[in-house]
C-alpha atoms as a PDB file:
ATOM      1  CA  LYS A   1      30.314  15.639  -6.880  1.00  0.00           C
ATOM      2  CA  ASP A   2      27.190  16.440  -8.978  1.00  0.00           C
ATOM      3  CA  GLU A   3      25.375  13.439 -10.278  1.00  0.00           C
ATOM      4  CA  ASN A   4      25.858  12.525 -13.922  1.00  0.00           C
ATOM      5  CA  PRO A   5      22.711  13.666 -16.015  1.00  0.00           C
ATOM      6  CA  VAL A   6      22.399  10.179 -17.389  1.00  0.00           C
ATOM      7  CA  VAL A   7      22.417   8.565 -13.943  1.00  0.00           C
ATOM      8  CA  PHE A   8      19.910  11.165 -12.896  1.00  0.00           C
ATOM      9  CA  GLN A   9      17.706  10.236 -15.904  1.00  0.00           C
ATOM     10  CA  ILE A  10      18.085   6.519 -15.219  1.00  0.00           C
ATOM     11  CA  LYS A  11      17.098   7.019 -11.525  1.00  0.00           C
ATOM     12  CA  GLU A  12      14.085   9.182 -12.485  1.00  0.00           C
ATOM     13  CA  TYR A  13      12.909   6.490 -14.834  1.00  0.00           C
ATOM     14  CA  LEU A  14      13.303   3.725 -12.178  1.00  0.00           C
ATOM     15  CA  HIS A  15      11.513   5.898  -9.627  1.00  0.00           C
ATOM     16  CA  GLN A  16       8.563   6.369 -11.993  1.00  0.00           C
ATOM     17  CA  ASN A  17       8.378   2.739 -13.158  1.00  0.00           C
ATOM     18  CA  TYR A  18       9.587   0.621 -10.151  1.00  0.00           C
ATOM     19  CA  ALA A  19       6.012  -0.775  -9.750  1.00  0.00           C
ATOM     20  CA  VAL A  20       6.142  -2.376 -13.195  1.00  0.00           C
ATOM     21  CA  PRO A  21       7.148  -6.071 -12.585  1.00  0.00           C
ATOM     22  CA  SER A  22       8.560  -6.504 -16.105  1.00  0.00           C
ATOM     23  CA  LEU A  23      10.866  -3.393 -15.835  1.00  0.00           C
ATOM     24  CA  SER A  24      14.086  -4.458 -17.359  1.00  0.00           C
ATOM     25  CA  VAL A  25      17.484  -3.209 -18.415  1.00  0.00           C
ATOM     26  CA  PRO A  26      16.425  -3.008 -22.084  1.00  0.00           C
ATOM     27  CA  ASP A  27      13.525  -0.713 -21.106  1.00  0.00           C
ATOM     28  CA  ILE A  28      15.959   1.497 -19.126  1.00  0.00           C
ATOM     29  CA  SER A  29      18.538   1.625 -21.913  1.00  0.00           C
ATOM     30  CA  GLU A  30      15.914   2.452 -24.491  1.00  0.00           C
ATOM     31  CA  HIS A  31      14.713   5.350 -22.328  1.00  0.00           C
ATOM     32  CA  VAL A  32      18.201   6.811 -22.197  1.00  0.00           C
ATOM     33  CA  ARG A  33      18.969   5.831 -25.722  1.00  0.00           C
ATOM     34  CA  LEU A  34      22.066   3.848 -24.856  1.00  0.00           C
ATOM     35  CA  SER A  35      23.032   0.179 -25.253  1.00  0.00           C
ATOM     36  CA  PRO A  36      22.014  -2.128 -22.362  1.00  0.00           C
ATOM     37  CA  THR A  37      25.619  -3.226 -21.821  1.00  0.00           C
ATOM     38  CA  TYR A  38      26.793   0.425 -21.681  1.00  0.00           C
ATOM     39  CA  VAL A  39      24.023   1.485 -19.340  1.00  0.00           C
ATOM     40  CA  CYS A  40      24.884  -1.365 -16.897  1.00  0.00           C
ATOM     41  CA  THR A  41      28.587  -0.691 -16.922  1.00  0.00           C
ATOM     42  CA  PHE A  42      28.102   3.126 -16.705  1.00  0.00           C
ATOM     43  CA  PHE A  43      25.583   2.975 -13.951  1.00  0.00           C
ATOM     44  CA  LYS A  44      27.777   0.707 -11.810  1.00  0.00           C
ATOM     45  CA  ASN A  45      30.851   2.789 -12.403  1.00  0.00           C
ATOM     46  CA  GLU A  46      28.988   5.970 -11.457  1.00  0.00           C
ATOM     47  CA  THR A  47      27.024   4.673  -8.533  1.00  0.00           C
ATOM     48  CA  GLY A  48      28.818   1.586  -7.175  1.00  0.00           C
ATOM     49  CA  HIS A  49      25.571  -0.374  -7.598  1.00  0.00           C
ATOM     50  CA  THR A  50      24.261  -2.467 -10.407  1.00  0.00           C
ATOM     51  CA  LEU A  51      20.958  -1.391 -11.943  1.00  0.00           C
ATOM     52  CA  ASN A  52      19.265  -4.318 -10.502  1.00  0.00           C
ATOM     53  CA  GLN A  53      20.669  -3.716  -6.893  1.00  0.00           C
ATOM     54  CA  TYR A  54      19.578  -0.115  -7.145  1.00  0.00           C
ATOM     55  CA  LEU A  55      16.118  -1.051  -8.308  1.00  0.00           C
ATOM     56  CA  THR A  56      15.665  -3.732  -5.603  1.00  0.00           C
ATOM     57  CA  GLU A  57      16.770  -1.393  -2.889  1.00  0.00           C
ATOM     58  CA  TYR A  58      14.492   1.337  -4.185  1.00  0.00           C
ATOM     59  CA  ARG A  59      11.535  -1.054  -4.290  1.00  0.00           C
ATOM     60  CA  MET A  60      12.346  -2.146  -0.701  1.00  0.00           C
ATOM     61  CA  GLU A  61      12.353   1.435   0.550  1.00  0.00           C
ATOM     62  CA  LYS A  62       8.916   1.827  -0.992  1.00  0.00           C
ATOM     63  CA  ALA A  63       7.766  -1.451   0.590  1.00  0.00           C
ATOM     64  CA  LYS A  64       8.965  -0.301   3.955  1.00  0.00           C
ATOM     65  CA  GLN A  65       6.902   2.917   3.647  1.00  0.00           C
ATOM     66  CA  LEU A  66       3.812   0.929   2.697  1.00  0.00           C
ATOM     67  CA  LEU A  67       4.353  -1.595   5.524  1.00  0.00           C
ATOM     68  CA  LYS A  68       4.233   1.272   8.032  1.00  0.00           C
ATOM     69  CA  ASP A  69       0.660   1.857   7.013  1.00  0.00           C
ATOM     70  CA  SER A  70      -1.627  -0.919   8.265  1.00  0.00           C
ATOM     71  CA  ARG A  71      -4.224  -0.110   5.646  1.00  0.00           C
ATOM     72  CA  TYR A  72      -2.136  -1.998   3.082  1.00  0.00           C
ATOM     73  CA  ARG A  73      -2.314  -5.837   3.185  1.00  0.00           C
ATOM     74  CA  ILE A  74       1.087  -7.420   3.193  1.00  0.00           C
ATOM     75  CA  SER A  75       0.006  -9.491   0.202  1.00  0.00           C
ATOM     76  CA  ASP A  76      -0.808  -6.404  -1.787  1.00  0.00           C
ATOM     77  CA  ILE A  77       2.434  -4.606  -1.114  1.00  0.00           C
ATOM     78  CA  SER A  78       4.604  -6.985  -3.154  1.00  0.00           C
ATOM     79  CA  SER A  79       2.693  -6.178  -6.297  1.00  0.00           C
ATOM     80  CA  ARG A  80       2.580  -2.458  -5.512  1.00  0.00           C
ATOM     81  CA  VAL A  81       6.358  -2.400  -5.530  1.00  0.00           C
ATOM     82  CA  GLY A  82       6.800  -4.444  -8.731  1.00  0.00           C
ATOM     83  CA  TYR A  83       6.913  -8.089  -7.673  1.00  0.00           C
ATOM     84  CA  SER A  84       4.495 -10.438  -9.323  1.00  0.00           C
ATOM     85  CA  ASP A  85       5.661 -13.277  -6.972  1.00  0.00           C
ATOM     86  CA  GLY A  86       5.009 -12.619  -3.354  1.00  0.00           C
ATOM     87  CA  ASN A  87       7.425 -15.338  -2.165  1.00  0.00           C
ATOM     88  CA  TYR A  88      10.217 -13.906  -4.183  1.00  0.00           C
ATOM     89  CA  TYR A  89       9.420 -10.403  -2.766  1.00  0.00           C
ATOM     90  CA  SER A  90       9.491 -11.771   0.812  1.00  0.00           C
ATOM     91  CA  LYS A  91      12.879 -13.433   0.290  1.00  0.00           C
ATOM     92  CA  ALA A  92      14.372 -10.280  -1.242  1.00  0.00           C
ATOM     93  CA  PHE A  93      12.909  -8.110   1.436  1.00  0.00           C
ATOM     94  CA  ARG A  94      14.403 -10.439   4.211  1.00  0.00           C
ATOM     95  CA  LYS A  95      17.761 -10.499   2.426  1.00  0.00           C
ATOM     96  CA  ILE A  96      17.905  -6.605   2.352  1.00  0.00           C
ATOM     97  CA  VAL A  97      16.153  -5.653   5.575  1.00  0.00           C
ATOM     98  CA  GLY A  98      16.972  -8.660   7.763  1.00  0.00           C
ATOM     99  CA  LEU A  99      13.312  -9.230   8.696  1.00  0.00           C
ATOM    100  CA  SER A 100      10.324 -10.595   6.831  1.00  0.00           C
ATOM    101  CA  PRO A 101       7.742  -8.092   5.727  1.00  0.00           C
ATOM    102  CA  SER A 102       5.439  -9.101   8.551  1.00  0.00           C
ATOM    103  CA  GLU A 103       8.130  -8.887  11.188  1.00  0.00           C
ATOM    104  CA  TYR A 104       9.030  -5.546   9.887  1.00  0.00           C
ATOM    105  CA  ARG A 105       5.510  -4.312  10.120  1.00  0.00           C
ATOM    106  CA  GLU A 106       5.092  -5.664  13.615  1.00  0.00           C
ATOM    107  CA  LYS A 107       8.216  -3.899  14.724  1.00  0.00           C
ATOM    108  CA  MET A 108       7.163  -0.604  13.134  1.00  0.00           C
ATOM    109  CA  LEU A 109       3.617  -0.674  14.438  1.00  0.00           C
ATOM    110  CA  ARG A 110       4.499  -1.449  17.975  1.00  0.00           C
END
């Protein structure tokens, strides 16, 4: 089925702002002019993901792309994808990808 226009708007906003560490549900809800509670419930019902899950997974996809390019230092990638805390980023990455960022890079650059 076609994606709901509000879901599309939310995703577009996340795709443009995922690198901002302070990106939050209130920012998103303000952008689409709906209440934070409604936005959360609505997004989950439409996509099966919470906003935070979607954002984290999107950030990890971006991180994977950057890790494939050896010009980027691993320590810089976390801030490029919206994490001010490198350790937190590494944990989140491992949880989703199953490897640490450096293991992932090694595997990809072999």
